[in-house]
Full PDB file with SEQRES, HELIX, SHEET, SSBOND, CRYST1, ORIGX, SCALE, CONECT and MASTER records, all heavy atoms in Angstrom:
SEQRES   1 A   40  ASP ALA PRO ASP THR PHE GLU LEU ASN TYR GLU ASN PHE          
SEQRES   2 A   40  VAL ASN TYR ALA SER LYS GLY ALA LEU MET ASP LEU ASP          
SEQRES   3 A   40  LYS LEU ILE GLN GLU ASP SER ASP PHE SER SER ASP GLN          
SEQRES   4 A   40  LEU                                                          
HELIX    1 AA1 TYR A   10  SER A   18  1                                   9    
HELIX    2 AA2 ASP A   26  GLU A   31  1                                   6    
HELIX    3 AA3 SER A   37  GLN A   39  5                                   3    
CRYST1    1.000    1.000    1.000  90.00  90.00  90.00 P 1           1          
ORIGX1      1.000000  0.000000  0.000000        0.00000                         
ORIGX2      0.000000  1.000000  0.000000        0.00000                         
ORIGX3      0.000000  0.000000  1.000000        0.00000                         
SCALE1      1.000000  0.000000  0.000000        0.00000                         
SCALE2      0.000000  1.000000  0.000000        0.00000                         
SCALE3      0.000000  0.000000  1.000000        0.00000                         
ATOM      1  N   ASP A   1      36.322  45.349  81.375  1.00  0.00           N  
ATOM      2  CA  ASP A   1      36.189  45.930  80.022  1.00  0.00           C  
ATOM      3  C   ASP A   1      34.929  45.433  79.262  1.00  0.00           C  
ATOM      4  O   ASP A   1      35.003  45.048  78.086  1.00  0.00           O  
ATOM      5  CB  ASP A   1      37.492  45.500  79.222  1.00  0.00           C  
ATOM      6  CG  ASP A   1      37.522  46.166  77.842  1.00  0.00           C  
ATOM      7  OD1 ASP A   1      37.089  47.229  77.681  1.00  0.00           O  
ATOM      8  OD2 ASP A   1      38.080  45.498  76.928  1.00  0.00           O  
ATOM      9  N   ALA A   2      33.888  45.427  79.919  1.00  0.00           N  
ATOM     10  CA  ALA A   2      32.717  44.825  79.437  1.00  0.00           C  
ATOM     11  C   ALA A   2      32.143  45.733  78.249  1.00  0.00           C  
ATOM     12  O   ALA A   2      32.259  46.961  78.272  1.00  0.00           O  
ATOM     13  CB  ALA A   2      31.634  44.819  80.467  1.00  0.00           C  
ATOM     14  N   PRO A   3      31.793  45.041  77.103  1.00  0.00           N  
ATOM     15  CA  PRO A   3      31.134  45.812  76.056  1.00  0.00           C  
ATOM     16  C   PRO A   3      29.822  46.505  76.555  1.00  0.00           C  
ATOM     17  O   PRO A   3      29.171  45.952  77.467  1.00  0.00           O  
ATOM     18  CB  PRO A   3      30.843  44.831  74.880  1.00  0.00           C  
ATOM     19  CG  PRO A   3      30.875  43.488  75.584  1.00  0.00           C  
ATOM     20  CD  PRO A   3      31.791  43.628  76.730  1.00  0.00           C  
ATOM     21  N   ASP A   4      29.409  47.610  75.960  1.00  0.00           N  
ATOM     22  CA  ASP A   4      28.212  48.276  76.462  1.00  0.00           C  
ATOM     23  C   ASP A   4      26.955  47.310  76.158  1.00  0.00           C  
ATOM     24  O   ASP A   4      26.043  47.255  77.114  1.00  0.00           O  
ATOM     25  CB  ASP A   4      28.044  49.583  75.574  1.00  0.00           C  
ATOM     26  CG  ASP A   4      29.133  50.603  75.874  1.00  0.00           C  
ATOM     27  OD1 ASP A   4      29.124  51.089  77.108  1.00  0.00           O  
ATOM     28  OD2 ASP A   4      29.837  50.848  74.989  1.00  0.00           O  
ATOM     29  N   THR A   5      26.968  46.693  75.003  1.00  0.00           N  
ATOM     30  CA  THR A   5      25.937  45.826  74.737  1.00  0.00           C  
ATOM     31  C   THR A   5      26.424  44.511  74.061  1.00  0.00           C  
ATOM     32  O   THR A   5      27.553  44.626  73.487  1.00  0.00           O  
ATOM     33  CB  THR A   5      25.009  46.407  73.654  1.00  0.00           C  
ATOM     34  OG1 THR A   5      25.684  46.746  72.475  1.00  0.00           O  
ATOM     35  CG2 THR A   5      24.241  47.648  74.259  1.00  0.00           C  
ATOM     36  N   PHE A   6      25.798  43.410  74.322  1.00  0.00           N  
ATOM     37  CA  PHE A   6      26.344  42.091  73.823  1.00  0.00           C  
ATOM     38  C   PHE A   6      25.236  41.124  73.679  1.00  0.00           C  
ATOM     39  O   PHE A   6      24.152  41.247  74.184  1.00  0.00           O  
ATOM     40  CB  PHE A   6      27.512  41.494  74.688  1.00  0.00           C  
ATOM     41  CG  PHE A   6      27.179  41.512  76.126  1.00  0.00           C  
ATOM     42  CD1 PHE A   6      26.674  40.468  76.780  1.00  0.00           C  
ATOM     43  CD2 PHE A   6      27.487  42.693  76.830  1.00  0.00           C  
ATOM     44  CE1 PHE A   6      26.374  40.449  78.152  1.00  0.00           C  
ATOM     45  CE2 PHE A   6      27.303  42.659  78.281  1.00  0.00           C  
ATOM     46  CZ  PHE A   6      26.805  41.632  78.909  1.00  0.00           C  
ATOM     47  N   GLU A   7      25.497  40.101  72.764  1.00  0.00           N  
ATOM     48  CA  GLU A   7      24.452  39.132  72.400  1.00  0.00           C  
ATOM     49  C   GLU A   7      24.748  37.932  73.347  1.00  0.00           C  
ATOM     50  O   GLU A   7      25.759  37.453  73.735  1.00  0.00           O  
ATOM     51  CB  GLU A   7      24.882  38.712  70.924  1.00  0.00           C  
ATOM     52  CG  GLU A   7      23.631  37.809  70.306  1.00  0.00           C  
ATOM     53  CD  GLU A   7      24.010  37.658  68.900  1.00  0.00           C  
ATOM     54  OE1 GLU A   7      25.240  37.512  68.516  1.00  0.00           O  
ATOM     55  OE2 GLU A   7      23.096  37.443  68.091  1.00  0.00           O  
ATOM     56  N   LEU A   8      23.439  37.387  73.706  1.00  0.00           N  
ATOM     57  CA  LEU A   8      23.482  36.128  74.550  1.00  0.00           C  
ATOM     58  C   LEU A   8      22.405  35.227  73.997  1.00  0.00           C  
ATOM     59  O   LEU A   8      21.275  35.543  73.716  1.00  0.00           O  
ATOM     60  CB  LEU A   8      23.110  36.547  76.027  1.00  0.00           C  
ATOM     61  CG  LEU A   8      24.142  37.392  76.767  1.00  0.00           C  
ATOM     62  CD1 LEU A   8      23.555  37.809  78.108  1.00  0.00           C  
ATOM     63  CD2 LEU A   8      25.376  36.574  76.968  1.00  0.00           C  
ATOM     64  N   ASN A   9      22.749  33.911  73.864  1.00  0.00           N  
ATOM     65  CA  ASN A   9      21.645  32.956  73.596  1.00  0.00           C  
ATOM     66  C   ASN A   9      21.008  32.644  74.965  1.00  0.00           C  
ATOM     67  O   ASN A   9      21.454  33.159  76.068  1.00  0.00           O  
ATOM     68  CB  ASN A   9      22.193  31.663  72.993  1.00  0.00           C  
ATOM     69  CG  ASN A   9      23.279  30.965  73.887  1.00  0.00           C  
ATOM     70  OD1 ASN A   9      23.702  31.618  74.971  1.00  0.00           O  
ATOM     71  ND2 ASN A   9      23.487  29.662  73.722  1.00  0.00           N  
ATOM     72  N   TYR A  10      19.780  32.174  74.967  1.00  0.00           N  
ATOM     73  CA  TYR A  10      18.802  32.120  75.992  1.00  0.00           C  
ATOM     74  C   TYR A  10      19.606  31.400  77.288  1.00  0.00           C  
ATOM     75  O   TYR A  10      19.572  31.889  78.449  1.00  0.00           O  
ATOM     76  CB  TYR A  10      17.624  31.399  75.822  1.00  0.00           C  
ATOM     77  CG  TYR A  10      16.770  31.118  77.117  1.00  0.00           C  
ATOM     78  CD1 TYR A  10      16.048  32.251  77.560  1.00  0.00           C  
ATOM     79  CD2 TYR A  10      16.820  29.851  77.721  1.00  0.00           C  
ATOM     80  CE1 TYR A  10      15.373  32.106  78.780  1.00  0.00           C  
ATOM     81  CE2 TYR A  10      16.088  29.825  78.842  1.00  0.00           C  
ATOM     82  CZ  TYR A  10      15.322  30.864  79.447  1.00  0.00           C  
ATOM     83  OH  TYR A  10      14.735  30.692  80.592  1.00  0.00           O  
ATOM     84  N   GLU A  11      20.187  30.281  76.934  1.00  0.00           N  
ATOM     85  CA  GLU A  11      20.855  29.406  78.057  1.00  0.00           C  
ATOM     86  C   GLU A  11      21.902  30.288  78.825  1.00  0.00           C  
ATOM     87  O   GLU A  11      22.023  30.198  79.988  1.00  0.00           O  
ATOM     88  CB  GLU A  11      21.454  28.210  77.421  1.00  0.00           C  
ATOM     89  CG  GLU A  11      20.616  27.309  76.896  1.00  0.00           C  
ATOM     90  CD  GLU A  11      20.224  27.541  75.484  1.00  0.00           C  
ATOM     91  OE1 GLU A  11      20.405  28.614  74.973  1.00  0.00           O  
ATOM     92  OE2 GLU A  11      19.811  26.641  74.810  1.00  0.00           O  
ATOM     93  N   ASN A  12      22.649  31.019  78.123  1.00  0.00           N  
ATOM     94  CA  ASN A  12      23.772  31.904  78.789  1.00  0.00           C  
ATOM     95  C   ASN A  12      23.099  33.146  79.342  1.00  0.00           C  
ATOM     96  O   ASN A  12      23.668  33.681  80.283  1.00  0.00           O  
ATOM     97  CB  ASN A  12      24.915  32.203  77.801  1.00  0.00           C  
ATOM     98  CG  ASN A  12      25.736  31.073  77.607  1.00  0.00           C  
ATOM     99  OD1 ASN A  12      26.530  30.666  78.490  1.00  0.00           O  
ATOM    100  ND2 ASN A  12      25.779  30.349  76.386  1.00  0.00           N  
ATOM    101  N   PHE A  13      22.050  33.680  78.775  1.00  0.00           N  
ATOM    102  CA  PHE A  13      21.342  34.832  79.184  1.00  0.00           C  
ATOM    103  C   PHE A  13      20.954  34.622  80.739  1.00  0.00           C  
ATOM    104  O   PHE A  13      21.317  35.396  81.577  1.00  0.00           O  
ATOM    105  CB  PHE A  13      20.059  35.112  78.462  1.00  0.00           C  
ATOM    106  CG  PHE A  13      19.140  36.020  79.292  1.00  0.00           C  
ATOM    107  CD1 PHE A  13      19.381  37.394  79.400  1.00  0.00           C  
ATOM    108  CD2 PHE A  13      17.930  35.465  79.831  1.00  0.00           C  
ATOM    109  CE1 PHE A  13      18.515  38.215  80.183  1.00  0.00           C  
ATOM    110  CE2 PHE A  13      17.054  36.323  80.555  1.00  0.00           C  
ATOM    111  CZ  PHE A  13      17.433  37.623  80.743  1.00  0.00           C  
ATOM    112  N   VAL A  14      20.466  33.373  81.012  1.00  0.00           N  
ATOM    113  CA  VAL A  14      20.017  33.163  82.505  1.00  0.00           C  
ATOM    114  C   VAL A  14      21.280  33.174  83.401  1.00  0.00           C  
ATOM    115  O   VAL A  14      21.213  33.701  84.534  1.00  0.00           O  
ATOM    116  CB  VAL A  14      19.310  31.785  82.556  1.00  0.00           C  
ATOM    117  CG1 VAL A  14      19.054  31.439  83.997  1.00  0.00           C  
ATOM    118  CG2 VAL A  14      18.009  31.876  81.753  1.00  0.00           C  
ATOM    119  N   ASN A  15      22.301  32.640  82.884  1.00  0.00           N  
ATOM    120  CA  ASN A  15      23.563  32.543  83.751  1.00  0.00           C  
ATOM    121  C   ASN A  15      24.072  33.906  84.006  1.00  0.00           C  
ATOM    122  O   ASN A  15      24.383  34.265  85.149  1.00  0.00           O  
ATOM    123  CB  ASN A  15      24.559  31.681  82.963  1.00  0.00           C  
ATOM    124  CG  ASN A  15      25.789  31.418  83.839  1.00  0.00           C  
ATOM    125  OD1 ASN A  15      25.631  31.325  85.141  1.00  0.00           O  
ATOM    126  ND2 ASN A  15      26.886  31.211  83.213  1.00  0.00           N  
ATOM    127  N   TYR A  16      24.084  34.787  83.016  1.00  0.00           N  
ATOM    128  CA  TYR A  16      24.630  36.141  83.121  1.00  0.00           C  
ATOM    129  C   TYR A  16      23.699  37.022  84.073  1.00  0.00           C  
ATOM    130  O   TYR A  16      24.139  37.811  84.905  1.00  0.00           O  
ATOM    131  CB  TYR A  16      24.954  36.816  81.928  1.00  0.00           C  
ATOM    132  CG  TYR A  16      26.224  36.411  81.248  1.00  0.00           C  
ATOM    133  CD1 TYR A  16      26.339  35.209  80.579  1.00  0.00           C  
ATOM    134  CD2 TYR A  16      27.447  37.094  81.386  1.00  0.00           C  
ATOM    135  CE1 TYR A  16      27.566  34.740  79.988  1.00  0.00           C  
ATOM    136  CE2 TYR A  16      28.642  36.669  81.008  1.00  0.00           C  
ATOM    137  CZ  TYR A  16      28.744  35.540  80.209  1.00  0.00           C  
ATOM    138  OH  TYR A  16      29.873  35.062  79.682  1.00  0.00           O  
ATOM    139  N   ALA A  17      22.495  36.862  83.837  1.00  0.00           N  
ATOM    140  CA  ALA A  17      21.403  37.663  84.521  1.00  0.00           C  
ATOM    141  C   ALA A  17      21.536  37.257  85.985  1.00  0.00           C  
ATOM    142  O   ALA A  17      21.495  38.164  87.010  1.00  0.00           O  
ATOM    143  CB  ALA A  17      20.072  37.441  84.015  1.00  0.00           C  
ATOM    144  N   SER A  18      21.612  35.972  86.351  1.00  0.00           N  
ATOM    145  CA  SER A  18      21.694  35.535  87.721  1.00  0.00           C  
ATOM    146  C   SER A  18      22.913  35.980  88.459  1.00  0.00           C  
ATOM    147  O   SER A  18      22.873  36.082  89.817  1.00  0.00           O  
ATOM    148  CB  SER A  18      21.560  33.960  87.656  1.00  0.00           C  
ATOM    149  OG  SER A  18      22.706  33.388  87.235  1.00  0.00           O  
ATOM    150  N   LYS A  19      23.897  36.258  87.738  1.00  0.00           N  
ATOM    151  CA  LYS A  19      25.191  36.698  88.328  1.00  0.00           C  
ATOM    152  C   LYS A  19      25.274  38.242  88.466  1.00  0.00           C  
ATOM    153  O   LYS A  19      26.370  38.824  88.878  1.00  0.00           O  
ATOM    154  CB  LYS A  19      26.386  36.076  87.678  1.00  0.00           C  
ATOM    155  CG  LYS A  19      26.501  34.579  87.868  1.00  0.00           C  
ATOM    156  CD  LYS A  19      27.664  34.024  87.120  1.00  0.00           C  
ATOM    157  CE  LYS A  19      27.761  32.489  87.362  1.00  0.00           C  
ATOM    158  NZ  LYS A  19      28.879  31.829  86.505  1.00  0.00           N  
ATOM    159  N   GLY A  20      24.216  38.989  88.114  1.00  0.00           N  
ATOM    160  CA  GLY A  20      24.261  40.377  88.231  1.00  0.00           C  
ATOM    161  C   GLY A  20      25.031  41.149  87.172  1.00  0.00           C  
ATOM    162  O   GLY A  20      25.446  42.335  87.508  1.00  0.00           O  
ATOM    163  N   ALA A  21      25.329  40.579  86.053  1.00  0.00           N  
ATOM    164  CA  ALA A  21      26.195  41.257  85.034  1.00  0.00           C  
ATOM    165  C   ALA A  21      25.464  42.114  84.070  1.00  0.00           C  
ATOM    166  O   ALA A  21      26.037  42.895  83.455  1.00  0.00           O  
ATOM    167  CB  ALA A  21      26.948  40.166  84.202  1.00  0.00           C  
ATOM    168  N   LEU A  22      24.052  42.079  84.050  1.00  0.00           N  
ATOM    169  CA  LEU A  22      23.255  42.723  83.182  1.00  0.00           C  
ATOM    170  C   LEU A  22      22.463  43.872  83.713  1.00  0.00           C  
ATOM    171  O   LEU A  22      22.082  43.827  84.976  1.00  0.00           O  
ATOM    172  CB  LEU A  22      22.251  41.728  82.516  1.00  0.00           C  
ATOM    173  CG  LEU A  22      22.847  40.457  81.953  1.00  0.00           C  
ATOM    174  CD1 LEU A  22      21.850  39.639  81.265  1.00  0.00           C  
ATOM    175  CD2 LEU A  22      23.991  40.659  81.040  1.00  0.00           C  
ATOM    176  N   MET A  23      22.130  44.950  83.026  1.00  0.00           N  
ATOM    177  CA  MET A  23      21.287  46.124  83.449  1.00  0.00           C  
ATOM    178  C   MET A  23      19.876  45.700  83.418  1.00  0.00           C  
ATOM    179  O   MET A  23      19.370  45.131  82.383  1.00  0.00           O  
ATOM    180  CB  MET A  23      21.644  47.269  82.596  1.00  0.00           C  
ATOM    181  CG  MET A  23      20.921  48.457  82.997  1.00  0.00           C  
ATOM    182  SD  MET A  23      21.326  49.868  82.061  1.00  0.00           S  
ATOM    183  CE  MET A  23      22.925  50.269  82.804  1.00  0.00           C  
ATOM    184  N   ASP A  24      19.208  46.140  84.461  1.00  0.00           N  
ATOM    185  CA  ASP A  24      17.755  45.920  84.587  1.00  0.00           C  
ATOM    186  C   ASP A  24      17.176  47.022  83.531  1.00  0.00           C  
ATOM    187  O   ASP A  24      17.433  48.231  83.715  1.00  0.00           O  
ATOM    188  CB  ASP A  24      17.280  46.261  85.930  1.00  0.00           C  
ATOM    189  CG  ASP A  24      15.834  46.192  86.064  1.00  0.00           C  
ATOM    190  OD1 ASP A  24      15.097  46.033  85.115  1.00  0.00           O  
ATOM    191  OD2 ASP A  24      15.328  46.408  87.178  1.00  0.00           O  
ATOM    192  N   LEU A  25      16.423  46.593  82.573  1.00  0.00           N  
ATOM    193  CA  LEU A  25      15.889  47.506  81.545  1.00  0.00           C  
ATOM    194  C   LEU A  25      14.513  48.071  81.862  1.00  0.00           C  
ATOM    195  O   LEU A  25      14.055  48.937  81.159  1.00  0.00           O  
ATOM    196  CB  LEU A  25      15.875  46.827  80.185  1.00  0.00           C  
ATOM    197  CG  LEU A  25      17.196  46.285  79.708  1.00  0.00           C  
ATOM    198  CD1 LEU A  25      16.973  45.481  78.330  1.00  0.00           C  
ATOM    199  CD2 LEU A  25      18.241  47.297  79.455  1.00  0.00           C  
ATOM    200  N   ASP A  26      13.837  47.784  82.949  1.00  0.00           N  
ATOM    201  CA  ASP A  26      12.590  48.030  83.254  1.00  0.00           C  
ATOM    202  C   ASP A  26      12.292  49.633  83.210  1.00  0.00           C  
ATOM    203  O   ASP A  26      11.377  50.122  82.644  1.00  0.00           O  
ATOM    204  CB  ASP A  26      12.035  47.465  84.473  1.00  0.00           C  
ATOM    205  CG  ASP A  26      11.780  45.958  84.467  1.00  0.00           C  
ATOM    206  OD1 ASP A  26      11.577  45.547  83.345  1.00  0.00           O  
ATOM    207  OD2 ASP A  26      11.734  45.296  85.472  1.00  0.00           O  
ATOM    208  N   LYS A  27      13.093  50.303  83.856  1.00  0.00           N  
ATOM    209  CA  LYS A  27      12.897  51.655  83.984  1.00  0.00           C  
ATOM    210  C   LYS A  27      13.033  52.415  82.587  1.00  0.00           C  
ATOM    211  O   LYS A  27      12.252  53.340  82.172  1.00  0.00           O  
ATOM    212  CB  LYS A  27      13.951  52.319  84.924  1.00  0.00           C  
ATOM    213  CG  LYS A  27      13.868  53.829  85.080  1.00  0.00           C  
ATOM    214  CD  LYS A  27      14.807  54.501  86.134  1.00  0.00           C  
ATOM    215  CE  LYS A  27      14.613  55.998  86.326  1.00  0.00           C  
ATOM    216  NZ  LYS A  27      15.618  56.590  87.154  1.00  0.00           N  
ATOM    217  N   LEU A  28      14.026  51.903  81.794  1.00  0.00           N  
ATOM    218  CA  LEU A  28      14.250  52.544  80.434  1.00  0.00           C  
ATOM    219  C   LEU A  28      13.099  52.142  79.582  1.00  0.00           C  
ATOM    220  O   LEU A  28      12.608  53.109  78.851  1.00  0.00           O  
ATOM    221  CB  LEU A  28      15.564  51.962  79.908  1.00  0.00           C  
ATOM    222  CG  LEU A  28      16.835  52.434  80.427  1.00  0.00           C  
ATOM    223  CD1 LEU A  28      17.952  51.540  80.100  1.00  0.00           C  
ATOM    224  CD2 LEU A  28      17.195  53.847  79.982  1.00  0.00           C  
ATOM    225  N   ILE A  29      12.558  51.042  79.747  1.00  0.00           N  
ATOM    226  CA  ILE A  29      11.334  50.663  78.900  1.00  0.00           C  
ATOM    227  C   ILE A  29      10.087  51.481  79.336  1.00  0.00           C  
ATOM    228  O   ILE A  29       9.335  51.983  78.606  1.00  0.00           O  
ATOM    229  CB  ILE A  29      10.987  49.186  79.212  1.00  0.00           C  
ATOM    230  CG1 ILE A  29      12.075  48.222  78.605  1.00  0.00           C  
ATOM    231  CG2 ILE A  29       9.708  48.752  78.668  1.00  0.00           C  
ATOM    232  CD1 ILE A  29      11.886  46.781  78.822  1.00  0.00           C  
ATOM    233  N   GLN A  30       9.889  51.679  80.694  1.00  0.00           N  
ATOM    234  CA  GLN A  30       8.751  52.442  81.248  1.00  0.00           C  
ATOM    235  C   GLN A  30       8.830  53.831  80.704  1.00  0.00           C  
ATOM    236  O   GLN A  30       7.773  54.580  80.428  1.00  0.00           O  
ATOM    237  CB  GLN A  30       8.656  52.349  82.681  1.00  0.00           C  
ATOM    238  CG  GLN A  30       8.392  50.969  83.274  1.00  0.00           C  
ATOM    239  CD  GLN A  30       8.677  50.810  84.688  1.00  0.00           C  
ATOM    240  OE1 GLN A  30       9.062  51.818  85.389  1.00  0.00           O  
ATOM    241  NE2 GLN A  30       8.537  49.698  85.148  1.00  0.00           N  
ATOM    242  N   GLU A  31      10.057  54.475  80.564  1.00  0.00           N  
ATOM    243  CA  GLU A  31      10.230  55.840  80.288  1.00  0.00           C  
ATOM    244  C   GLU A  31      10.220  56.040  78.730  1.00  0.00           C  
ATOM    245  O   GLU A  31      10.281  57.301  78.319  1.00  0.00           O  
ATOM    246  CB  GLU A  31      11.517  56.337  80.818  1.00  0.00           C  
ATOM    247  CG  GLU A  31      11.497  56.454  82.351  1.00  0.00           C  
ATOM    248  CD  GLU A  31      12.829  56.877  82.942  1.00  0.00           C  
ATOM    249  OE1 GLU A  31      13.820  56.911  82.199  1.00  0.00           O  
ATOM    250  OE2 GLU A  31      12.936  57.145  84.135  1.00  0.00           O  
ATOM    251  N   ASP A  32      10.211  55.004  77.936  1.00  0.00           N  
ATOM    252  CA  ASP A  32      10.163  55.139  76.477  1.00  0.00           C  
ATOM    253  C   ASP A  32       8.849  55.163  75.837  1.00  0.00           C  
ATOM    254  O   ASP A  32       8.255  54.056  75.724  1.00  0.00           O  
ATOM    255  CB  ASP A  32      11.109  54.025  75.925  1.00  0.00           C  
ATOM    256  CG  ASP A  32      11.360  54.185  74.429  1.00  0.00           C  
ATOM    257  OD1 ASP A  32      10.733  55.014  73.756  1.00  0.00           O  
ATOM    258  OD2 ASP A  32      12.254  53.494  73.905  1.00  0.00           O  
ATOM    259  N   SER A  33       8.359  56.273  75.500  1.00  0.00           N  
ATOM    260  CA  SER A  33       7.027  56.318  75.007  1.00  0.00           C  
ATOM    261  C   SER A  33       6.890  55.839  73.624  1.00  0.00           C  
ATOM    262  O   SER A  33       5.709  55.581  73.033  1.00  0.00           O  
ATOM    263  CB  SER A  33       6.450  57.764  74.949  1.00  0.00           C  
ATOM    264  OG  SER A  33       7.292  58.576  74.231  1.00  0.00           O  
ATOM    265  N   ASP A  34       8.052  55.542  72.928  1.00  0.00           N  
ATOM    266  CA  ASP A  34       8.134  55.061  71.576  1.00  0.00           C  
ATOM    267  C   ASP A  34       8.026  53.480  71.572  1.00  0.00           C  
ATOM    268  O   ASP A  34       8.097  52.940  70.501  1.00  0.00           O  
ATOM    269  CB  ASP A  34       9.279  55.499  70.806  1.00  0.00           C  
ATOM    270  CG  ASP A  34       9.147  57.058  70.518  1.00  0.00           C  
ATOM    271  OD1 ASP A  34       8.104  57.493  70.461  1.00  0.00           O  
ATOM    272  OD2 ASP A  34      10.281  57.637  70.606  1.00  0.00           O  
ATOM    273  N   PHE A  35       8.188  52.790  72.667  1.00  0.00           N  
ATOM    274  CA  PHE A  35       8.178  51.477  72.735  1.00  0.00           C  
ATOM    275  C   PHE A  35       7.050  50.758  73.575  1.00  0.00           C  
ATOM    276  O   PHE A  35       6.652  51.293  74.552  1.00  0.00           O  
ATOM    277  CB  PHE A  35       9.556  50.953  73.271  1.00  0.00           C  
ATOM    278  CG  PHE A  35       9.649  49.349  73.496  1.00  0.00           C  
ATOM    279  CD1 PHE A  35       9.774  48.552  72.395  1.00  0.00           C  
ATOM    280  CD2 PHE A  35       9.470  48.841  74.700  1.00  0.00           C  
ATOM    281  CE1 PHE A  35       9.821  47.166  72.587  1.00  0.00           C  
ATOM    282  CE2 PHE A  35       9.506  47.421  74.923  1.00  0.00           C  
ATOM    283  CZ  PHE A  35       9.683  46.651  73.907  1.00  0.00           C  
ATOM    284  N   SER A  36       6.468  49.734  73.064  1.00  0.00           N  
ATOM    285  CA  SER A  36       5.514  48.915  73.694  1.00  0.00           C  
ATOM    286  C   SER A  36       5.940  47.432  73.437  1.00  0.00           C  
ATOM    287  O   SER A  36       6.385  46.956  72.449  1.00  0.00           O  
ATOM    288  CB  SER A  36       4.148  49.133  73.226  1.00  0.00           C  
ATOM    289  OG  SER A  36       3.300  48.148  73.730  1.00  0.00           O  
ATOM    290  N   SER A  37       5.880  46.687  74.602  1.00  0.00           N  
ATOM    291  CA  SER A  37       6.277  45.225  74.485  1.00  0.00           C  
ATOM    292  C   SER A  37       5.254  44.527  73.602  1.00  0.00           C  
ATOM    293  O   SER A  37       5.549  43.444  73.039  1.00  0.00           O  
ATOM    294  CB  SER A  37       6.099  44.596  75.766  1.00  0.00           C  
ATOM    295  OG  SER A  37       4.834  44.591  76.402  1.00  0.00           O  
ATOM    296  N   ASP A  38       4.040  45.167  73.178  1.00  0.00           N  
ATOM    297  CA  ASP A  38       3.242  44.583  72.204  1.00  0.00           C  
ATOM    298  C   ASP A  38       3.720  44.444  70.880  1.00  0.00           C  
ATOM    299  O   ASP A  38       3.349  43.763  70.004  1.00  0.00           O  
ATOM    300  CB  ASP A  38       1.946  45.379  72.091  1.00  0.00           C  
ATOM    301  CG  ASP A  38       1.050  45.403  73.432  1.00  0.00           C  
ATOM    302  OD1 ASP A  38       1.276  44.399  74.250  1.00  0.00           O  
ATOM    303  OD2 ASP A  38       0.279  46.199  73.664  1.00  0.00           O  
ATOM    304  N   GLN A  39       4.942  45.187  70.574  1.00  0.00           N  
ATOM    305  CA  GLN A  39       5.484  45.049  69.296  1.00  0.00           C  
ATOM    306  C   GLN A  39       6.217  43.710  69.115  1.00  0.00           C  
ATOM    307  O   GLN A  39       6.675  43.457  68.037  1.00  0.00           O  
ATOM    308  CB  GLN A  39       6.649  46.226  69.166  1.00  0.00           C  
ATOM    309  CG  GLN A  39       6.093  47.588  69.202  1.00  0.00           C  
ATOM    310  CD  GLN A  39       7.168  48.723  69.326  1.00  0.00           C  
ATOM    311  OE1 GLN A  39       7.171  49.423  70.305  1.00  0.00           O  
ATOM    312  NE2 GLN A  39       8.082  48.810  68.437  1.00  0.00           N  
ATOM    313  N   LEU A  40       6.343  43.028  70.185  1.00  0.00           N  
ATOM    314  CA  LEU A  40       7.074  41.673  70.211  1.00  0.00           C  
ATOM    315  C   LEU A  40       6.105  40.633  70.672  1.00  0.00           C  
ATOM    316  O   LEU A  40       5.106  40.903  71.344  1.00  0.00           O  
ATOM    317  CB  LEU A  40       8.313  41.673  71.147  1.00  0.00           C  
ATOM    318  CG  LEU A  40       9.325  42.707  70.779  1.00  0.00           C  
ATOM    319  CD1 LEU A  40      10.260  42.894  71.835  1.00  0.00           C  
ATOM    320  CD2 LEU A  40      10.160  42.196  69.547  1.00  0.00           C  
TER     321      LEU A  40                                                      
MASTER        0    0    0    3    0    0    0    6  320    1    0    4          
END                                                                             
């Protein structure tokens, strides 16, 4: 029953990412012409 989106502090982010619980955002980022990582 995972929420679609959720907040993670950095320490826990690494843990969840390493266990495969998170979606890889690269494709969505590449296909989004309205977003550039330069905004951050």
